[in-house]
Amino acid sequence: MEKSRHGDDGCSSTCPWCAEGIDHLSNSVRIAPPDRRPPEHRPDDWGWQLHTDCAAEWREFVTHLRTIAGRGAFRTLVEGPLSGDVNDMVEWELPDTS
């Protein structure tokens, strides 16, 4: 599984959403897979630290991904571009002007 990028103090990491530094944990949140273990038994470096605003954008993005999946277009619109060139996927249809 993925691990976050933390310094020794836990306050010098980079937000993977915006690629900007996180200087203070007070304006960030940790995003991690669900873990049913008690907090004292969880790894400290599990997940990713995101700015609070970035985490809100990420949540909206996830909501949109779920909508796309519900419409049956996830494979084409999400998985496809991750494994290939988006430009190769687009078939532009020019309007018929005749």
PDB file of N, CA and C in Angstrom:
ATOM      1  N   MET A   1       0.829  -1.170   0.000  1.00  0.00           N
ATOM      2  CA  MET A   1       0.000   0.000   0.000  1.00  0.00           C
ATOM      3  C   MET A   1       0.882   1.245   0.000  1.00  0.00           C
ATOM      4  N   GLU A   2       0.293   2.367  -0.334  1.00  0.00           N
ATOM      5  CA  GLU A   2       1.056   3.599  -0.418  1.00  0.00           C
ATOM      6  C   GLU A   2       1.383   4.132   0.970  1.00  0.00           C
ATOM      7  N   LYS A   3       2.484   4.832   1.043  1.00  0.00           N
ATOM      8  CA  LYS A   3       2.867   5.485   2.287  1.00  0.00           C
ATOM      9  C   LYS A   3       2.985   6.975   2.039  1.00  0.00           C
ATOM     10  N   SER A   4       2.689   7.758   3.054  1.00  0.00           N
ATOM     11  CA  SER A   4       2.834   9.202   2.931  1.00  0.00           C
ATOM     12  C   SER A   4       4.302   9.572   3.040  1.00  0.00           C
ATOM     13  N   ARG A   5       4.600  10.775   2.605  1.00  0.00           N
ATOM     14  CA  ARG A   5       5.976  11.273   2.668  1.00  0.00           C
ATOM     15  C   ARG A   5       6.081  12.228   3.841  1.00  0.00           C
ATOM     16  N   HIS A   6       6.630  11.769   4.939  1.00  0.00           N
ATOM     17  CA  HIS A   6       6.753  12.598   6.138  1.00  0.00           C
ATOM     18  C   HIS A   6       8.209  12.802   6.491  1.00  0.00           C
ATOM     19  N   GLY A   7       8.489  13.957   7.047  1.00  0.00           N
ATOM     20  CA  GLY A   7       9.784  14.179   7.655  1.00  0.00           C
ATOM     21  C   GLY A   7       9.744  13.637   9.066  1.00  0.00           C
ATOM     22  N   ASP A   8      10.835  13.773   9.790  1.00  0.00           N
ATOM     23  CA  ASP A   8      10.895  13.247  11.147  1.00  0.00           C
ATOM     24  C   ASP A   8       9.894  13.903  12.081  1.00  0.00           C
ATOM     25  N   ASP A   9       9.580  15.174  11.846  1.00  0.00           N
ATOM     26  CA  ASP A   9       8.650  15.872  12.729  1.00  0.00           C
ATOM     27  C   ASP A   9       7.202  15.721  12.294  1.00  0.00           C
ATOM     28  N   GLY A  10       6.949  15.074  11.150  1.00  0.00           N
ATOM     29  CA  GLY A  10       5.594  14.903  10.663  1.00  0.00           C
ATOM     30  C   GLY A  10       5.006  16.169  10.074  1.00  0.00           C
ATOM     31  N   CYS A  11       5.773  17.246  10.001  1.00  0.00           N
ATOM     32  CA  CYS A  11       5.250  18.526   9.517  1.00  0.00           C
ATOM     33  C   CYS A  11       5.870  18.965   8.205  1.00  0.00           C
ATOM     34  N   SER A  12       6.714  18.182   7.626  1.00  0.00           N
ATOM     35  CA  SER A  12       7.333  18.589   6.363  1.00  0.00           C
ATOM     36  C   SER A  12       7.044  17.544   5.302  1.00  0.00           C
ATOM     37  N   SER A  13       5.836  17.617   4.754  1.00  0.00           N
ATOM     38  CA  SER A  13       5.471  16.707   3.692  1.00  0.00           C
ATOM     39  C   SER A  13       4.921  17.510   2.526  1.00  0.00           C
ATOM     40  N   THR A  14       4.676  16.831   1.439  1.00  0.00           N
ATOM     41  CA  THR A  14       4.134  17.472   0.257  1.00  0.00           C
ATOM     42  C   THR A  14       2.751  16.912  -0.004  1.00  0.00           C
ATOM     43  N   CYS A  15       1.818  17.779  -0.234  1.00  0.00           N
ATOM     44  CA  CYS A  15       0.457  17.376  -0.551  1.00  0.00           C
ATOM     45  C   CYS A  15       0.456  16.768  -1.959  1.00  0.00           C
ATOM     46  N   PRO A  16       0.007  15.517  -2.103  1.00  0.00           N
ATOM     47  CA  PRO A  16       0.017  14.895  -3.426  1.00  0.00           C
ATOM     48  C   PRO A  16      -1.037  15.478  -4.365  1.00  0.00           C
ATOM     49  N   TRP A  17      -2.009  16.206  -3.829  1.00  0.00           N
ATOM     50  CA  TRP A  17      -3.070  16.770  -4.661  1.00  0.00           C
ATOM     51  C   TRP A  17      -2.595  18.022  -5.380  1.00  0.00           C
ATOM     52  N   CYS A  18      -1.882  18.917  -4.672  1.00  0.00           N
ATOM     53  CA  CYS A  18      -1.447  20.185  -5.281  1.00  0.00           C
ATOM     54  C   CYS A  18       0.069  20.281  -5.436  1.00  0.00           C
ATOM     55  N   ALA A  19       0.795  19.315  -4.891  1.00  0.00           N
ATOM     56  CA  ALA A  19       2.263  19.271  -4.946  1.00  0.00           C
ATOM     57  C   ALA A  19       2.921  20.431  -4.200  1.00  0.00           C
ATOM     58  N   GLU A  20       2.210  21.046  -3.274  1.00  0.00           N
ATOM     59  CA  GLU A  20       2.761  22.119  -2.443  1.00  0.00           C
ATOM     60  C   GLU A  20       3.097  21.561  -1.068  1.00  0.00           C
ATOM     61  N   GLY A  21       4.026  22.184  -0.408  1.00  0.00           N
ATOM     62  CA  GLY A  21       4.441  21.729   0.903  1.00  0.00           C
ATOM     63  C   GLY A  21       3.373  21.932   1.965  1.00  0.00           C
ATOM     64  N   ILE A  22       3.372  21.045   2.944  1.00  0.00           N
ATOM     65  CA  ILE A  22       2.503  21.177   4.112  1.00  0.00           C
ATOM     66  C   ILE A  22       3.411  21.534   5.276  1.00  0.00           C
ATOM     67  N   ASP A  23       3.284  22.755   5.738  1.00  0.00           N
ATOM     68  CA  ASP A  23       4.158  23.236   6.799  1.00  0.00           C
ATOM     69  C   ASP A  23       3.587  22.998   8.182  1.00  0.00           C
ATOM     70  N   HIS A  24       2.264  22.958   8.292  1.00  0.00           N
ATOM     71  CA  HIS A  24       1.624  22.793   9.595  1.00  0.00           C
ATOM     72  C   HIS A  24       0.529  21.746   9.486  1.00  0.00           C
ATOM     73  N   LEU A  25       0.580  20.746  10.339  1.00  0.00           N
ATOM     74  CA  LEU A  25      -0.434  19.702  10.316  1.00  0.00           C
ATOM     75  C   LEU A  25      -1.812  20.236  10.720  1.00  0.00           C
ATOM     76  N   SER A  26      -1.857  21.401  11.348  1.00  0.00           N
ATOM     77  CA  SER A  26      -3.133  21.960  11.792  1.00  0.00           C
ATOM     78  C   SER A  26      -4.039  22.348  10.621  1.00  0.00           C
ATOM     79  N   ASN A  27      -3.465  22.599   9.418  1.00  0.00           N
ATOM     80  CA  ASN A  27      -4.302  22.921   8.261  1.00  0.00           C
ATOM     81  C   ASN A  27      -4.229  21.808   7.211  1.00  0.00           C
ATOM     82  N   SER A  28      -4.136  20.563   7.708  1.00  0.00           N
ATOM     83  CA  SER A  28      -4.110  19.416   6.801  1.00  0.00           C
ATOM     84  C   SER A  28      -4.863  18.252   7.436  1.00  0.00           C
ATOM     85  N   VAL A  29      -5.170  17.263   6.612  1.00  0.00           N
ATOM     86  CA  VAL A  29      -5.833  16.047   7.081  1.00  0.00           C
ATOM     87  C   VAL A  29      -5.126  14.848   6.473  1.00  0.00           C
ATOM     88  N   ARG A  30      -5.232  13.723   7.147  1.00  0.00           N
ATOM     89  CA  ARG A  30      -4.659  12.484   6.631  1.00  0.00           C
ATOM     90  C   ARG A  30      -5.755  11.710   5.906  1.00  0.00           C
ATOM     91  N   ILE A  31      -5.440  11.262   4.704  1.00  0.00           N
ATOM     92  CA  ILE A  31      -6.336  10.406   3.927  1.00  0.00           C
ATOM     93  C   ILE A  31      -5.681   9.028   3.906  1.00  0.00           C
ATOM     94  N   ALA A  32      -6.390   8.029   4.415  1.00  0.00           N
ATOM     95  CA  ALA A  32      -5.834   6.682   4.508  1.00  0.00           C
ATOM     96  C   ALA A  32      -6.940   5.660   4.277  1.00  0.00           C
ATOM     97  N   PRO A  33      -6.561   4.466   3.850  1.00  0.00           N
ATOM     98  CA  PRO A  33      -7.567   3.412   3.716  1.00  0.00           C
ATOM     99  C   PRO A  33      -8.206   3.123   5.071  1.00  0.00           C
ATOM    100  N   PRO A  34      -9.465   2.695   5.066  1.00  0.00           N
ATOM    101  CA  PRO A  34     -10.103   2.360   6.348  1.00  0.00           C
ATOM    102  C   PRO A  34      -9.287   1.306   7.092  1.00  0.00           C
ATOM    103  N   ASP A  35      -9.175   1.481   8.378  1.00  0.00           N
ATOM    104  CA  ASP A  35      -8.395   0.564   9.203  1.00  0.00           C
ATOM    105  C   ASP A  35      -9.164   0.362  10.501  1.00  0.00           C
ATOM    106  N   ARG A  36      -9.602  -0.852  10.744  1.00  0.00           N
ATOM    107  CA  ARG A  36     -10.424  -1.138  11.920  1.00  0.00           C
ATOM    108  C   ARG A  36      -9.593  -1.332  13.191  1.00  0.00           C
ATOM    109  N   ARG A  37      -8.276  -1.327  13.038  1.00  0.00           N
ATOM    110  CA  ARG A  37      -7.441  -1.477  14.227  1.00  0.00           C
ATOM    111  C   ARG A  37      -7.524  -0.223  15.085  1.00  0.00           C
ATOM    112  N   PRO A  38      -7.324  -0.367  16.391  1.00  0.00           N
ATOM    113  CA  PRO A  38      -7.294   0.822  17.250  1.00  0.00           C
ATOM    114  C   PRO A  38      -6.162   1.760  16.807  1.00  0.00           C
ATOM    115  N   PRO A  39      -6.341   3.071  16.990  1.00  0.00           N
ATOM    116  CA  PRO A  39      -5.320   4.031  16.536  1.00  0.00           C
ATOM    117  C   PRO A  39      -3.908   3.712  16.999  1.00  0.00           C
ATOM    118  N   GLU A  40      -3.760   3.186  18.203  1.00  0.00           N
ATOM    119  CA  GLU A  40      -2.410   2.894  18.709  1.00  0.00           C
ATOM    120  C   GLU A  40      -1.756   1.719  17.979  1.00  0.00           C
ATOM    121  N   HIS A  41      -2.523   0.954  17.201  1.00  0.00           N
ATOM    122  CA  HIS A  41      -1.970  -0.181  16.454  1.00  0.00           C
ATOM    123  C   HIS A  41      -1.831   0.089  14.960  1.00  0.00           C
ATOM    124  N   ARG A  42      -2.129   1.313  14.544  1.00  0.00           N
ATOM    125  CA  ARG A  42      -2.013   1.678  13.127  1.00  0.00           C
ATOM    126  C   ARG A  42      -0.630   2.265  12.859  1.00  0.00           C
ATOM    127  N   PRO A  43      -0.096   2.023  11.660  1.00  0.00           N
ATOM    128  CA  PRO A  43       1.196   2.641  11.308  1.00  0.00           C
ATOM    129  C   PRO A  43       1.058   4.164  11.239  1.00  0.00           C
ATOM    130  N   ASP A  44       2.078   4.878  11.664  1.00  0.00           N
ATOM    131  CA  ASP A  44       2.058   6.340  11.635  1.00  0.00           C
ATOM    132  C   ASP A  44       2.148   6.903  10.225  1.00  0.00           C
ATOM    133  N   ASP A  45       2.781   6.165   9.322  1.00  0.00           N
ATOM    134  CA  ASP A  45       3.029   6.697   7.986  1.00  0.00           C
ATOM    135  C   ASP A  45       2.063   6.145   6.938  1.00  0.00           C
ATOM    136  N   TRP A  46       0.918   5.638   7.368  1.00  0.00           N
ATOM    137  CA  TRP A  46      -0.063   5.064   6.459  1.00  0.00           C
ATOM    138  C   TRP A  46      -0.935   6.168   5.884  1.00  0.00           C
ATOM    139  N   GLY A  47      -1.075   6.249   4.576  1.00  0.00           N
ATOM    140  CA  GLY A  47      -1.939   7.237   3.954  1.00  0.00           C
ATOM    141  C   GLY A  47      -1.171   8.447   3.455  1.00  0.00           C
ATOM    142  N   TRP A  48      -1.913   9.516   3.201  1.00  0.00           N
ATOM    143  CA  TRP A  48      -1.349  10.744   2.640  1.00  0.00           C
ATOM    144  C   TRP A  48      -1.871  11.947   3.409  1.00  0.00           C
ATOM    145  N   GLN A  49      -1.025  12.918   3.608  1.00  0.00           N
ATOM    146  CA  GLN A  49      -1.411  14.169   4.252  1.00  0.00           C
ATOM    147  C   GLN A  49      -1.785  15.157   3.145  1.00  0.00           C
ATOM    148  N   LEU A  50      -2.991  15.730   3.203  1.00  0.00           N
ATOM    149  CA  LEU A  50      -3.456  16.719   2.231  1.00  0.00           C
ATOM    150  C   LEU A  50      -3.837  18.002   2.960  1.00  0.00           C
ATOM    151  N   HIS A  51      -3.659  19.142   2.277  1.00  0.00           N
ATOM    152  CA  HIS A  51      -4.186  20.391   2.821  1.00  0.00           C
ATOM    153  C   HIS A  51      -5.698  20.216   2.978  1.00  0.00           C
ATOM    154  N   THR A  52      -6.277  20.917   3.931  1.00  0.00           N
ATOM    155  CA  THR A  52      -7.715  20.811   4.169  1.00  0.00           C
ATOM    156  C   THR A  52      -8.509  21.154   2.911  1.00  0.00           C
ATOM    157  N   ASP A  53      -8.134  22.220   2.212  1.00  0.00           N
ATOM    158  CA  ASP A  53      -8.827  22.608   0.974  1.00  0.00           C
ATOM    159  C   ASP A  53      -8.652  21.549  -0.118  1.00  0.00           C
ATOM    160  N   CYS A  54      -7.465  20.980  -0.197  1.00  0.00           N
ATOM    161  CA  CYS A  54      -7.210  19.936  -1.200  1.00  0.00           C
ATOM    162  C   CYS A  54      -8.041  18.691  -0.903  1.00  0.00           C
ATOM    163  N   ALA A  55      -8.190  18.364   0.375  1.00  0.00           N
ATOM    164  CA  ALA A  55      -8.999  17.213   0.757  1.00  0.00           C
ATOM    165  C   ALA A  55     -10.458  17.432   0.353  1.00  0.00           C
ATOM    166  N   ALA A  56     -10.949  18.662   0.465  1.00  0.00           N
ATOM    167  CA  ALA A  56     -12.319  18.968   0.040  1.00  0.00           C
ATOM    168  C   ALA A  56     -12.452  18.794  -1.478  1.00  0.00           C
ATOM    169  N   GLU A  57     -11.468  19.263  -2.239  1.00  0.00           N
ATOM    170  CA  GLU A  57     -11.481  19.068  -3.695  1.00  0.00           C
ATOM    171  C   GLU A  57     -11.429  17.587  -4.036  1.00  0.00           C
ATOM    172  N   TRP A  58     -10.604  16.836  -3.316  1.00  0.00           N
ATOM    173  CA  TRP A  58     -10.474  15.394  -3.547  1.00  0.00           C
ATOM    174  C   TRP A  58     -11.816  14.698  -3.312  1.00  0.00           C
ATOM    175  N   ARG A  59     -12.519  15.071  -2.249  1.00  0.00           N
ATOM    176  CA  ARG A  59     -13.823  14.469  -1.970  1.00  0.00           C
ATOM    177  C   ARG A  59     -14.807  14.736  -3.107  1.00  0.00           C
ATOM    178  N   GLU A  60     -14.801  15.959  -3.648  1.00  0.00           N
ATOM    179  CA  GLU A  60     -15.666  16.276  -4.795  1.00  0.00           C
ATOM    180  C   GLU A  60     -15.272  15.432  -6.009  1.00  0.00           C
ATOM    181  N   PHE A  61     -13.986  15.262  -6.207  1.00  0.00           N
ATOM    182  CA  PHE A  61     -13.463  14.445  -7.308  1.00  0.00           C
ATOM    183  C   PHE A  61     -13.941  12.999  -7.164  1.00  0.00           C
ATOM    184  N   VAL A  62     -13.866  12.450  -5.960  1.00  0.00           N
ATOM    185  CA  VAL A  62     -14.313  11.080  -5.713  1.00  0.00           C
ATOM    186  C   VAL A  62     -15.814  10.959  -5.980  1.00  0.00           C
ATOM    187  N   THR A  63     -16.575  11.950  -5.562  1.00  0.00           N
ATOM    188  CA  THR A  63     -18.016  11.951  -5.833  1.00  0.00           C
ATOM    189  C   THR A  63     -18.272  11.910  -7.334  1.00  0.00           C
ATOM    190  N   HIS A  64     -17.505  12.697  -8.086  1.00  0.00           N
ATOM    191  CA  HIS A  64     -17.664  12.709  -9.544  1.00  0.00           C
ATOM    192  C   HIS A  64     -17.258  11.354 -10.151  1.00  0.00           C
ATOM    193  N   LEU A  65     -16.192  10.757  -9.635  1.00  0.00           N
ATOM    194  CA  LEU A  65     -15.794   9.424 -10.115  1.00  0.00           C
ATOM    195  C   LEU A  65     -16.905   8.407  -9.892  1.00  0.00           C
ATOM    196  N   ARG A  66     -17.546   8.481  -8.745  1.00  0.00           N
ATOM    197  CA  ARG A  66     -18.651   7.560  -8.455  1.00  0.00           C
ATOM    198  C   ARG A  66     -19.820   7.783  -9.408  1.00  0.00           C
ATOM    199  N   THR A  67     -20.079   9.047  -9.738  1.00  0.00           N
ATOM    200  CA  THR A  67     -21.141   9.354 -10.698  1.00  0.00           C
ATOM    201  C   THR A  67     -20.811   8.767 -12.066  1.00  0.00           C
ATOM    202  N   ILE A  68     -19.574   8.948 -12.497  1.00  0.00           N
ATOM    203  CA  ILE A  68     -19.125   8.397 -13.779  1.00  0.00           C
ATOM    204  C   ILE A  68     -19.258   6.879 -13.777  1.00  0.00           C
ATOM    205  N   ALA A  69     -18.860   6.253 -12.686  1.00  0.00           N
ATOM    206  CA  ALA A  69     -18.968   4.795 -12.576  1.00  0.00           C
ATOM    207  C   ALA A  69     -20.428   4.361 -12.642  1.00  0.00           C
ATOM    208  N   GLY A  70     -21.306   5.092 -11.982  1.00  0.00           N
ATOM    209  CA  GLY A  70     -22.723   4.769 -11.989  1.00  0.00           C
ATOM    210  C   GLY A  70     -23.344   4.871 -13.365  1.00  0.00           C
ATOM    211  N   ARG A  71     -22.745   5.690 -14.216  1.00  0.00           N
ATOM    212  CA  ARG A  71     -23.242   5.848 -15.590  1.00  0.00           C
ATOM    213  C   ARG A  71     -22.618   4.830 -16.540  1.00  0.00           C
ATOM    214  N   GLY A  72     -21.704   4.003 -16.011  1.00  0.00           N
ATOM    215  CA  GLY A  72     -21.077   2.969 -16.830  1.00  0.00           C
ATOM    216  C   GLY A  72     -19.907   3.447 -17.668  1.00  0.00           C
ATOM    217  N   ALA A  73     -19.404   4.646 -17.394  1.00  0.00           N
ATOM    218  CA  ALA A  73     -18.341   5.214 -18.225  1.00  0.00           C
ATOM    219  C   ALA A  73     -16.977   5.225 -17.539  1.00  0.00           C
ATOM    220  N   PHE A  74     -16.858   4.598 -16.372  1.00  0.00           N
ATOM    221  CA  PHE A  74     -15.612   4.657 -15.605  1.00  0.00           C
ATOM    222  C   PHE A  74     -14.428   4.084 -16.375  1.00  0.00           C
ATOM    223  N   ARG A  75     -14.622   2.931 -16.986  1.00  0.00           N
ATOM    224  CA  ARG A  75     -13.512   2.276 -17.678  1.00  0.00           C
ATOM    225  C   ARG A  75     -12.950   3.152 -18.797  1.00  0.00           C
ATOM    226  N   THR A  76     -13.829   3.747 -19.576  1.00  0.00           N
ATOM    227  CA  THR A  76     -13.378   4.575 -20.694  1.00  0.00           C
ATOM    228  C   THR A  76     -12.837   5.923 -20.236  1.00  0.00           C
ATOM    229  N   LEU A  77     -13.557   6.586 -19.328  1.00  0.00           N
ATOM    230  CA  LEU A  77     -13.188   7.951 -18.956  1.00  0.00           C
ATOM    231  C   LEU A  77     -12.146   8.066 -17.862  1.00  0.00           C
ATOM    232  N   VAL A  78     -11.944   7.007 -17.094  1.00  0.00           N
ATOM    233  CA  VAL A  78     -10.986   7.080 -15.998  1.00  0.00           C
ATOM    234  C   VAL A  78      -9.844   6.078 -16.184  1.00  0.00           C
ATOM    235  N   GLU A  79     -10.174   4.804 -16.305  1.00  0.00           N
ATOM    236  CA  GLU A  79      -9.117   3.798 -16.430  1.00  0.00           C
ATOM    237  C   GLU A  79      -8.353   3.933 -17.745  1.00  0.00           C
ATOM    238  N   GLY A  80      -9.053   4.206 -18.824  1.00  0.00           N
ATOM    239  CA  GLY A  80      -8.407   4.339 -20.135  1.00  0.00           C
ATOM    240  C   GLY A  80      -7.291   5.370 -20.158  1.00  0.00           C
ATOM    241  N   PRO A  81      -7.577   6.600 -19.721  1.00  0.00           N
ATOM    242  CA  PRO A  81      -6.525   7.627 -19.738  1.00  0.00           C
ATOM    243  C   PRO A  81      -5.337   7.322 -18.820  1.00  0.00           C
ATOM    244  N   LEU A  82      -5.548   6.500 -17.794  1.00  0.00           N
ATOM    245  CA  LEU A  82      -4.438   6.160 -16.909  1.00  0.00           C
ATOM    246  C   LEU A  82      -3.433   5.237 -17.582  1.00  0.00           C
ATOM    247  N   SER A  83      -3.880   4.517 -18.588  1.00  0.00           N
ATOM    248  CA  SER A  83      -2.984   3.560 -19.241  1.00  0.00           C
ATOM    249  C   SER A  83      -2.623   3.952 -20.669  1.00  0.00           C
ATOM    250  N   GLY A  84      -3.082   5.083 -21.146  1.00  0.00           N
ATOM    251  CA  GLY A  84      -2.772   5.480 -22.517  1.00  0.00           C
ATOM    252  C   GLY A  84      -2.847   6.981 -22.695  1.00  0.00           C
ATOM    253  N   ASP A  85      -2.701   7.397 -23.920  1.00  0.00           N
ATOM    254  CA  ASP A  85      -2.710   8.810 -24.263  1.00  0.00           C
ATOM    255  C   ASP A  85      -4.150   9.274 -24.485  1.00  0.00           C
ATOM    256  N   VAL A  86      -4.560  10.291 -23.769  1.00  0.00           N
ATOM    257  CA  VAL A  86      -5.915  10.818 -23.900  1.00  0.00           C
ATOM    258  C   VAL A  86      -6.186  11.257 -25.337  1.00  0.00           C
ATOM    259  N   ASN A  87      -5.194  11.864 -25.984  1.00  0.00           N
ATOM    260  CA  ASN A  87      -5.383  12.342 -27.351  1.00  0.00           C
ATOM    261  C   ASN A  87      -5.690  11.212 -28.323  1.00  0.00           C
ATOM    262  N   ASP A  88      -5.176  10.019 -28.043  1.00  0.00           N
ATOM    263  CA  ASP A  88      -5.471   8.873 -28.905  1.00  0.00           C
ATOM    264  C   ASP A  88      -6.899   8.374 -28.701  1.00  0.00           C
ATOM    265  N   MET A  89      -7.518   8.756 -27.616  1.00  0.00           N
ATOM    266  CA  MET A  89      -8.863   8.278 -27.297  1.00  0.00           C
ATOM    267  C   MET A  89      -9.953   9.160 -27.891  1.00  0.00           C
ATOM    268  N   VAL A  90      -9.650  10.422 -28.144  1.00  0.00           N
ATOM    269  CA  VAL A  90     -10.660  11.372 -28.590  1.00  0.00           C
ATOM    270  C   VAL A  90     -10.908  11.218 -30.088  1.00  0.00           C
ATOM    271  N   GLU A  91     -12.164  11.033 -30.441  1.00  0.00           N
ATOM    272  CA  GLU A  91     -12.559  10.981 -31.846  1.00  0.00           C
ATOM    273  C   GLU A  91     -13.411  12.221 -32.121  1.00  0.00           C
ATOM    274  N   TRP A  92     -12.755  13.239 -32.650  1.00  0.00           N
ATOM    275  CA  TRP A  92     -13.459  14.490 -32.911  1.00  0.00           C
ATOM    276  C   TRP A  92     -14.353  14.325 -34.119  1.00  0.00           C
ATOM    277  N   GLU A  93     -15.595  14.662 -33.930  1.00  0.00           N
ATOM    278  CA  GLU A  93     -16.532  14.645 -35.063  1.00  0.00           C
ATOM    279  C   GLU A  93     -16.826  16.097 -35.434  1.00  0.00           C
ATOM    280  N   LEU A  94     -16.454  16.445 -36.637  1.00  0.00           N
ATOM    281  CA  LEU A  94     -16.702  17.803 -37.086  1.00  0.00           C
ATOM    282  C   LEU A  94     -18.151  17.913 -37.577  1.00  0.00           C
ATOM    283  N   PRO A  95     -18.800  19.022 -37.283  1.00  0.00           N
ATOM    284  CA  PRO A  95     -20.182  19.173 -37.709  1.00  0.00           C
ATOM    285  C   PRO A  95     -20.270  19.201 -39.233  1.00  0.00           C
ATOM    286  N   ASP A  96     -21.328  18.613 -39.729  1.00  0.00           N
ATOM    287  CA  ASP A  96     -21.570  18.595 -41.181  1.00  0.00           C
ATOM    288  C   ASP A  96     -22.093  19.957 -41.595  1.00  0.00           C
ATOM    289  N   THR A  97     -21.332  20.658 -42.404  1.00  0.00           N
ATOM    290  CA  THR A  97     -21.713  22.015 -42.819  1.00  0.00           C
ATOM    291  C   THR A  97     -22.282  22.048 -44.221  1.00  0.00           C
ATOM    292  N   SER A  98     -22.561  20.878 -44.784  1.00  0.00           N
ATOM    293  CA  SER A  98     -23.085  20.872 -46.160  1.00  0.00           C
ATOM    294  C   SER A  98     -24.566  21.109 -46.231  1.00  0.00           C
TER     295      SER A  98
END
